[in-house]
Amino acid sequence: MAINFPDTTGQATDGSYTYTVAGLVYSWDGTSWSAAGAGASATNRSLFSVTQNSAGTAALSYSDLTGVFSYTPPDLSGYLTAETDPVFAASGANGITLADRANWSTAYGWGDHSTQGYLSSVALTTATDVTITLPQIEQVLKYNGSFWVNANAPLGLASRTTAQVTQSIANGAASNVSITTPKSYALLKIETSHAAWVTLYSDTTSRTADSSRSETTDPVPGSGVLAEVITGGAATQLITPGTICFNSSASNTTYAKIVNKSGSTANVTVTLTYVQLEA
């Protein structure tokens, strides 16, 4: 670029007379101008800068007075920036993900699924030998010799559970109650809400025969008494070791007698904790 240096007539020739242009300092030595300053040179890139303008007509200009390049980028707003293939978007393959492909590859590696004998359909309208009534959770289909019927699953490892009964009983009076339980079970504990004498029986005949026995008299072996506890208030009595209780006619009922010992009429609640032994 051309530089219009000032007149040097009468100026010092020891380099102290200087002229600055485009950020570069020149000094006069009496014969010519030369770049001056600490390491200053015409190739010092820190002397230049770039200003970018808003998009428009593409242009690039330079100011030799300021050392600034001015750049105007082209306006590309009218050009295509994204593309959608309408044919592919309408295809079922458009929704296939990389995870789908990986899952299919894994399944393919298992072999020919058509040879595995999987059940693909059930014609319920032709299943005339299936009779299902009020199915319950965890029940299974069981063949009774004529039909497939819903029944409780074969007994495996069962979790402990509870059963209870509440009865309004006058103080010192006895009340005969029935508690819904499995046909047989391991009794772990008996809980009472009030002081009470609680006796469990295998059948009603045994309970009737035992009605006159006092609480200080032990039951006779084989009398049908399964277990009994006497509590002094709201209490939980552990049955140690656990005892096997059962209904002698294989029904889901435990027969009990509750004597209220609380001192007044009360709604006495008895809770049994047990583990089922028989389906």
Protein backbone atom coordinates (compact mmCIF):
# COMPACT_ATOMS: atom_id res chain seq x y z
CA MET A 1 0.00 0.00 0.00
CA ALA A 2 1.18 3.59 -0.63
CA ILE A 3 2.05 5.72 2.42
CA ASN A 4 2.01 9.50 2.26
CA PHE A 5 4.83 10.45 4.65
CA PRO A 6 5.00 14.03 6.00
CA ASP A 7 7.59 16.62 4.96
CA THR A 8 10.94 16.01 6.76
CA THR A 9 12.47 19.43 6.17
CA GLY A 10 14.24 20.58 9.32
CA GLN A 11 13.39 17.41 11.23
CA ALA A 12 15.85 15.48 13.38
CA THR A 13 17.79 12.76 11.59
CA ASP A 14 18.57 10.61 14.63
CA GLY A 15 15.36 8.58 14.39
CA SER A 16 13.47 10.61 17.01
CA TYR A 17 11.14 12.06 14.38
CA THR A 18 8.40 9.45 13.79
CA TYR A 19 5.18 8.97 11.86
CA THR A 20 2.50 6.40 12.64
CA VAL A 21 0.19 4.87 10.04
CA ALA A 22 -2.03 1.77 10.26
CA GLY A 23 -0.65 1.13 13.73
CA LEU A 24 2.96 0.98 12.49
CA VAL A 25 5.54 3.55 13.65
CA TYR A 26 8.12 4.79 11.15
CA SER A 27 11.23 6.90 12.02
CA TRP A 28 13.22 9.34 9.84
CA ASP A 29 17.02 8.86 9.68
CA GLY A 30 17.72 11.79 7.37
CA THR A 31 17.69 9.61 4.28
CA SER A 32 14.63 7.34 4.46
CA TRP A 33 11.75 6.20 6.61
CA SER A 34 12.06 2.83 8.38
CA ALA A 35 9.84 0.87 10.72
CA ALA A 36 10.57 1.73 14.33
CA GLY A 37 9.48 0.52 17.74
CA ALA A 38 10.08 -2.67 19.78
CA GLY A 39 10.30 -5.33 17.07
CA ALA A 40 7.75 -3.59 14.87
CA SER A 41 7.65 -4.79 11.27
CA ALA A 42 5.39 -4.65 8.28
CA THR A 43 4.58 -8.33 8.83
CA ASN A 44 3.42 -7.95 12.44
CA ARG A 45 -0.04 -9.56 12.27
CA SER A 46 -1.18 -8.00 15.56
CA LEU A 47 -1.49 -4.71 13.67
CA PHE A 48 -4.47 -5.99 11.66
CA SER A 49 -8.08 -6.98 12.55
CA VAL A 50 -11.25 -8.18 10.81
CA THR A 51 -14.79 -6.87 11.16
CA GLN A 52 -17.64 -9.12 9.96
CA ASN A 53 -20.81 -7.45 8.79
CA SER A 54 -24.34 -8.85 8.51
CA ALA A 55 -24.99 -11.19 5.58
CA GLY A 56 -25.65 -9.45 2.32
CA THR A 57 -23.75 -8.98 -0.94
CA ALA A 58 -20.41 -10.68 -0.48
CA ALA A 59 -17.57 -8.15 -0.12
CA LEU A 60 -14.09 -7.72 1.38
CA SER A 61 -12.39 -4.36 1.92
CA TYR A 62 -9.37 -3.00 3.78
CA SER A 63 -8.59 0.36 5.42
CA ASP A 64 -4.90 1.35 5.20
CA LEU A 65 -5.53 3.94 7.88
CA THR A 66 -6.86 1.55 10.53
CA GLY A 67 -5.49 -1.83 9.34
CA VAL A 68 -9.01 -3.28 9.50
CA PHE A 69 -10.41 -5.77 6.98
CA SER A 70 -14.20 -5.51 6.55
CA TYR A 71 -15.94 -8.73 5.48
CA THR A 72 -19.56 -9.08 4.37
CA PRO A 73 -20.61 -12.76 4.07
CA PRO A 74 -23.04 -13.77 1.32
CA ASP A 75 -26.76 -14.09 2.18
CA LEU A 76 -27.58 -17.84 1.90
CA SER A 77 -31.12 -17.64 3.32
CA GLY A 78 -32.64 -18.46 -0.06
CA TYR A 79 -30.70 -21.71 -0.39
CA LEU A 80 -31.84 -25.23 0.71
CA THR A 81 -30.62 -26.00 4.24
CA ALA A 82 -32.57 -29.24 5.00
CA GLU A 83 -34.13 -32.05 2.99
CA THR A 84 -36.91 -34.56 3.73
CA ASP A 85 -37.62 -37.53 1.50
CA PRO A 86 -41.44 -37.84 1.43
CA VAL A 87 -41.27 -41.33 -0.07
CA PHE A 88 -39.03 -42.65 2.73
CA ALA A 89 -41.09 -40.85 5.39
CA ALA A 90 -44.18 -42.75 4.21
CA SER A 91 -42.35 -46.09 4.35
CA GLY A 92 -42.61 -48.46 7.31
CA ALA A 93 -38.82 -48.56 7.38
CA ASN A 94 -38.78 -44.92 8.45
CA GLY A 95 -39.44 -45.92 12.09
CA ILE A 96 -36.71 -48.57 12.30
CA THR A 97 -34.09 -47.62 14.89
CA LEU A 98 -30.56 -48.88 15.49
CA ALA A 99 -31.87 -50.63 18.64
CA ASP A 100 -34.47 -52.49 16.50
CA ARG A 101 -31.76 -53.66 14.15
CA ALA A 102 -29.65 -54.91 17.06
CA ASN A 103 -32.59 -56.80 18.57
CA TRP A 104 -33.45 -58.43 15.25
CA SER A 105 -29.86 -59.49 14.76
CA THR A 106 -29.82 -61.05 18.23
CA ALA A 107 -33.08 -62.95 17.58
CA TYR A 108 -31.82 -64.10 14.19
CA GLY A 109 -28.79 -65.56 15.91
CA TRP A 110 -31.02 -67.89 17.93
CA GLY A 111 -31.88 -69.88 14.83
CA ASP A 112 -35.02 -70.73 12.87
CA HIS A 113 -37.95 -69.87 15.15
CA SER A 114 -40.44 -71.65 12.86
CA THR A 115 -39.06 -75.01 14.01
CA GLN A 116 -39.44 -74.36 17.75
CA GLY A 117 -43.12 -75.35 18.06
CA TYR A 118 -44.31 -72.12 19.69
CA LEU A 119 -48.04 -71.78 20.37
CA SER A 120 -49.25 -69.17 17.88
CA SER A 121 -53.01 -69.22 18.52
CA VAL A 122 -55.74 -70.76 20.69
CA ALA A 123 -59.21 -71.43 19.28
CA LEU A 124 -61.19 -70.81 22.48
CA THR A 125 -64.47 -71.42 20.70
CA THR A 126 -63.48 -75.07 20.24
CA ALA A 127 -62.09 -75.58 23.77
CA THR A 128 -65.25 -77.24 25.08
CA ASP A 129 -63.36 -79.08 27.82
CA VAL A 130 -62.31 -75.88 29.66
CA THR A 131 -64.54 -74.53 32.44
CA ILE A 132 -63.34 -71.39 34.23
CA THR A 133 -65.35 -69.84 37.06
CA LEU A 134 -64.34 -66.69 38.97
CA PRO A 135 -60.57 -67.09 38.41
CA GLN A 136 -58.35 -65.79 41.20
CA ILE A 137 -54.78 -64.51 41.21
CA GLU A 138 -52.15 -67.31 41.16
CA GLN A 139 -54.67 -69.99 40.17
CA VAL A 140 -53.83 -72.47 37.38
CA LEU A 141 -55.76 -74.76 35.04
CA LYS A 142 -56.11 -78.26 36.49
CA TYR A 143 -57.64 -81.30 34.74
CA ASN A 144 -60.24 -83.03 36.94
CA GLY A 145 -60.65 -86.06 34.67
CA SER A 146 -63.37 -84.50 32.52
CA PHE A 147 -62.63 -80.79 32.23
CA TRP A 148 -59.86 -78.25 32.71
CA VAL A 149 -60.90 -76.08 35.66
CA ASN A 150 -59.27 -73.21 37.52
CA ALA A 151 -57.74 -74.22 40.84
CA ASN A 152 -55.15 -73.06 43.30
CA ALA A 153 -51.58 -73.55 42.12
CA PRO A 154 -49.66 -76.51 43.55
CA LEU A 155 -48.30 -75.50 46.91
CA GLY A 156 -44.68 -74.42 46.85
CA LEU A 157 -42.84 -72.18 49.27
CA ALA A 158 -45.63 -70.13 50.84
CA SER A 159 -45.27 -66.83 52.69
CA ARG A 160 -46.59 -66.42 56.20
CA THR A 161 -49.94 -64.67 56.44
CA THR A 162 -52.65 -63.88 58.94
CA ALA A 163 -56.34 -64.56 59.62
CA GLN A 164 -58.49 -62.95 62.28
CA VAL A 165 -61.91 -62.73 63.82
CA THR A 166 -63.57 -60.07 66.03
CA GLN A 167 -66.38 -60.87 68.46
CA SER A 168 -68.25 -58.82 71.05
CA ILE A 169 -68.06 -60.87 74.27
CA ALA A 170 -69.23 -60.14 77.80
CA ASN A 171 -66.64 -60.38 80.55
CA GLY A 172 -66.05 -63.99 81.59
CA ALA A 173 -68.24 -65.32 78.76
CA ALA A 174 -67.17 -67.70 76.01
CA SER A 175 -67.93 -67.28 72.30
CA ASN A 176 -67.61 -69.96 69.61
CA VAL A 177 -66.23 -68.54 66.35
CA SER A 178 -64.98 -69.78 62.99
CA ILE A 179 -61.79 -68.45 61.32
CA THR A 180 -61.11 -68.88 57.61
CA THR A 181 -57.75 -70.63 57.26
CA PRO A 182 -56.11 -73.25 54.97
CA LYS A 183 -57.05 -76.88 55.45
CA SER A 184 -53.75 -77.34 57.29
CA TYR A 185 -51.09 -74.87 58.35
CA ALA A 186 -48.14 -74.25 60.65
CA LEU A 187 -49.26 -71.92 63.45
CA LEU A 188 -46.59 -69.36 64.44
CA LYS A 189 -48.34 -67.00 66.84
CA ILE A 190 -51.69 -65.92 68.30
CA GLU A 191 -52.46 -62.26 68.99
CA THR A 192 -55.31 -60.94 71.16
CA SER A 193 -56.61 -57.36 71.43
CA HIS A 194 -57.76 -57.93 75.05
CA ALA A 195 -57.04 -60.34 77.84
CA ALA A 196 -58.52 -63.65 76.68
CA TRP A 197 -58.36 -67.43 76.72
CA VAL A 198 -58.25 -68.68 73.13
CA THR A 199 -58.52 -72.33 72.11
CA LEU A 200 -58.32 -73.70 68.54
CA TYR A 201 -60.06 -76.95 67.47
CA SER A 202 -59.97 -79.31 64.50
CA ASP A 203 -63.78 -79.62 64.40
CA THR A 204 -66.95 -78.49 66.16
CA THR A 205 -67.48 -81.86 67.86
CA SER A 206 -64.15 -81.50 69.66
CA ARG A 207 -65.03 -77.95 70.67
CA THR A 208 -68.35 -79.04 72.15
CA ALA A 209 -66.72 -81.90 74.06
CA ASP A 210 -64.13 -79.50 75.49
CA SER A 211 -66.58 -76.80 76.61
CA SER A 212 -66.58 -77.76 80.29
CA ARG A 213 -62.79 -77.96 80.73
CA SER A 214 -61.31 -75.26 82.96
CA GLU A 215 -58.40 -73.12 81.77
CA THR A 216 -56.13 -74.66 84.44
CA THR A 217 -56.69 -78.17 83.08
CA ASP A 218 -54.57 -79.40 80.17
CA PRO A 219 -56.46 -80.91 77.22
CA VAL A 220 -56.26 -84.65 76.70
CA PRO A 221 -54.07 -85.79 73.74
CA GLY A 222 -56.24 -86.55 70.72
CA SER A 223 -59.11 -84.41 72.03
CA GLY A 224 -59.08 -82.19 68.93
CA VAL A 225 -57.49 -79.21 70.69
CA LEU A 226 -54.90 -77.76 68.31
CA ALA A 227 -53.52 -74.89 70.40
CA GLU A 228 -54.51 -72.49 73.15
CA VAL A 229 -53.17 -69.35 74.82
CA ILE A 230 -54.14 -67.22 77.84
CA THR A 231 -53.17 -63.54 77.66
CA GLY A 232 -53.30 -60.76 80.24
CA GLY A 233 -54.21 -58.00 77.75
CA ALA A 234 -53.39 -56.93 74.22
CA ALA A 235 -50.53 -59.35 73.52
CA THR A 236 -48.89 -61.59 70.95
CA GLN A 237 -48.04 -65.11 72.03
CA LEU A 238 -45.38 -66.94 70.01
CA ILE A 239 -46.11 -70.63 69.44
CA THR A 240 -42.72 -72.24 69.98
CA PRO A 241 -42.10 -74.59 68.49
CA GLY A 242 -44.61 -73.90 65.72
CA THR A 243 -47.51 -76.34 65.75
CA ILE A 244 -49.40 -77.98 62.88
CA CYS A 245 -53.11 -77.14 62.82
CA PHE A 246 -55.73 -78.66 60.53
CA ASN A 247 -59.43 -79.11 59.86
CA SER A 248 -60.37 -82.76 60.33
CA SER A 249 -62.85 -82.69 57.42
CA ALA A 250 -60.40 -80.85 55.10
CA SER A 251 -62.35 -77.60 54.91
CA ASN A 252 -60.87 -74.11 55.08
CA THR A 253 -62.01 -73.38 58.64
CA THR A 254 -60.45 -73.32 62.07
CA TYR A 255 -62.98 -73.55 64.93
CA ALA A 256 -62.17 -71.52 68.04
CA LYS A 257 -63.47 -70.62 71.49
CA ILE A 258 -62.73 -67.18 72.91
CA VAL A 259 -63.24 -66.39 76.61
CA ASN A 260 -63.16 -62.66 77.45
CA LYS A 261 -60.92 -62.03 80.52
CA SER A 262 -60.62 -58.24 80.12
CA GLY A 263 -62.96 -57.33 83.01
CA SER A 264 -65.73 -55.84 80.85
CA THR A 265 -67.64 -56.45 77.65
CA ALA A 266 -65.28 -55.93 74.70
CA ASN A 267 -64.86 -56.48 70.98
CA VAL A 268 -62.12 -59.08 71.23
CA THR A 269 -59.99 -59.58 68.10
CA VAL A 270 -57.94 -62.75 67.67
CA THR A 271 -55.29 -62.89 64.93
CA LEU A 272 -53.51 -66.05 63.80
CA THR A 273 -50.15 -65.90 61.98
CA TYR A 274 -49.42 -69.04 59.97
CA VAL A 275 -47.82 -70.64 56.90
CA GLN A 276 -50.08 -72.69 54.61
CA LEU A 277 -49.22 -76.40 54.30
CA GLU A 278 -52.01 -77.76 52.12
CA ALA A 279 -53.70 -76.51 48.96
